[in-house]
Amino acid sequence: MIDIDQNLIEFLSTVPEYKQAMENGKDIYSFAASEAIGVPYEECLEFNNGEYNIRGQERRKIAKRVIVNLFINSNYFKKND
């Protein structure tokens, strides 16, 4: 079975904004949620400064589902399967 996370990271690293976010140690799904809905990155983290953030968790979870599903259905994933 293909490791989806590894292939997804490889794919996202071809996008300059995502590559920079990864290089800066940002959570990629929280970063995507922040970009998609236009709120600060910190508001899309599940934990921020050691405190649980339910809205951040929800935003991150939705972004992860969207990204993973788009990736799985993409030609990039299919050609590397």
Protein backbone atom coordinates (compact mmCIF):
# COMPACT_ATOMS: atom_id res chain seq x y z
CA MET A 1 0.00 0.00 0.00
CA ILE A 2 1.18 3.51 -0.85
CA ASP A 3 2.01 5.81 2.04
CA ILE A 4 -0.46 8.62 1.31
CA ASP A 5 1.05 11.06 3.80
CA GLN A 6 4.55 10.76 2.33
CA ASN A 7 3.27 11.16 -1.23
CA LEU A 8 1.06 14.07 -0.22
CA ILE A 9 3.97 15.86 1.43
CA GLU A 10 6.07 15.27 -1.69
CA PHE A 11 3.28 16.70 -3.84
CA LEU A 12 2.63 19.73 -1.62
CA SER A 13 6.34 20.52 -1.51
CA THR A 14 6.07 21.44 -5.20
CA VAL A 15 3.81 24.38 -4.23
CA PRO A 16 6.06 27.23 -3.00
CA GLU A 17 3.72 28.42 -0.22
CA TYR A 18 3.29 24.91 1.19
CA LYS A 19 6.99 24.16 0.86
CA GLN A 20 7.83 27.28 2.85
CA ALA A 21 5.21 26.44 5.49
CA MET A 22 6.71 22.96 5.91
CA GLU A 23 10.23 24.37 6.09
CA ASN A 24 9.03 26.73 8.84
CA GLY A 25 7.64 23.78 10.81
CA LYS A 26 3.98 24.67 10.32
CA ASP A 27 1.28 22.04 10.39
CA ILE A 28 0.29 21.67 6.75
CA TYR A 29 -3.40 21.09 7.37
CA SER A 30 -3.70 24.06 9.73
CA PHE A 31 -1.82 26.14 7.17
CA ALA A 32 -4.24 25.05 4.43
CA ALA A 33 -7.26 25.85 6.62
CA SER A 34 -5.84 29.28 7.36
CA GLU A 35 -5.28 29.99 3.69
CA ALA A 36 -8.70 28.68 2.66
CA ILE A 37 -10.82 30.60 5.13
CA GLY A 38 -8.63 33.66 5.62
CA VAL A 39 -8.00 33.48 9.34
CA PRO A 40 -4.66 33.52 11.14
CA TYR A 41 -2.74 30.24 11.19
CA GLU A 42 -2.90 30.11 15.00
CA GLU A 43 -6.71 29.99 14.85
CA CYS A 44 -6.51 26.77 12.82
CA LEU A 45 -4.30 24.86 15.24
CA GLU A 46 -5.79 22.13 17.41
CA PHE A 47 -3.48 23.19 20.24
CA ASN A 48 -2.15 26.71 20.54
CA ASN A 49 0.27 27.58 23.34
CA GLY A 50 -0.69 24.37 25.11
CA GLU A 51 -4.41 25.16 25.08
CA TYR A 52 -6.99 23.05 23.26
CA ASN A 53 -8.78 24.93 20.48
CA ILE A 54 -11.93 23.15 19.31
CA ARG A 55 -12.53 25.55 16.40
CA GLY A 56 -8.95 25.06 15.29
CA GLN A 57 -9.40 21.29 15.50
CA GLU A 58 -12.54 21.47 13.35
CA ARG A 59 -10.89 23.73 10.77
CA ARG A 60 -7.80 21.50 10.57
CA LYS A 61 -9.90 18.32 10.30
CA ILE A 62 -11.97 19.72 7.41
CA ALA A 63 -8.86 20.95 5.59
CA LYS A 64 -7.20 17.55 5.99
CA ARG A 65 -10.23 15.71 4.62
CA VAL A 66 -10.44 18.00 1.60
CA ILE A 67 -6.73 17.85 0.81
CA VAL A 68 -6.40 14.08 1.23
CA ASN A 69 -9.51 13.40 -0.86
CA LEU A 70 -8.41 15.76 -3.62
CA PHE A 71 -4.97 14.18 -3.59
CA ILE A 72 -6.26 10.61 -3.71
CA ASN A 73 -8.42 11.50 -6.70
CA SER A 74 -5.66 13.43 -8.47
CA ASN A 75 -3.63 12.24 -11.41
CA TYR A 76 -0.48 12.74 -9.32
CA PHE A 77 -1.52 10.07 -6.85
CA LYS A 78 -2.81 7.69 -9.53
CA LYS A 79 0.39 7.85 -11.58
CA ASN A 80 2.50 7.15 -8.47
CA ASP A 81 0.33 4.30 -7.24
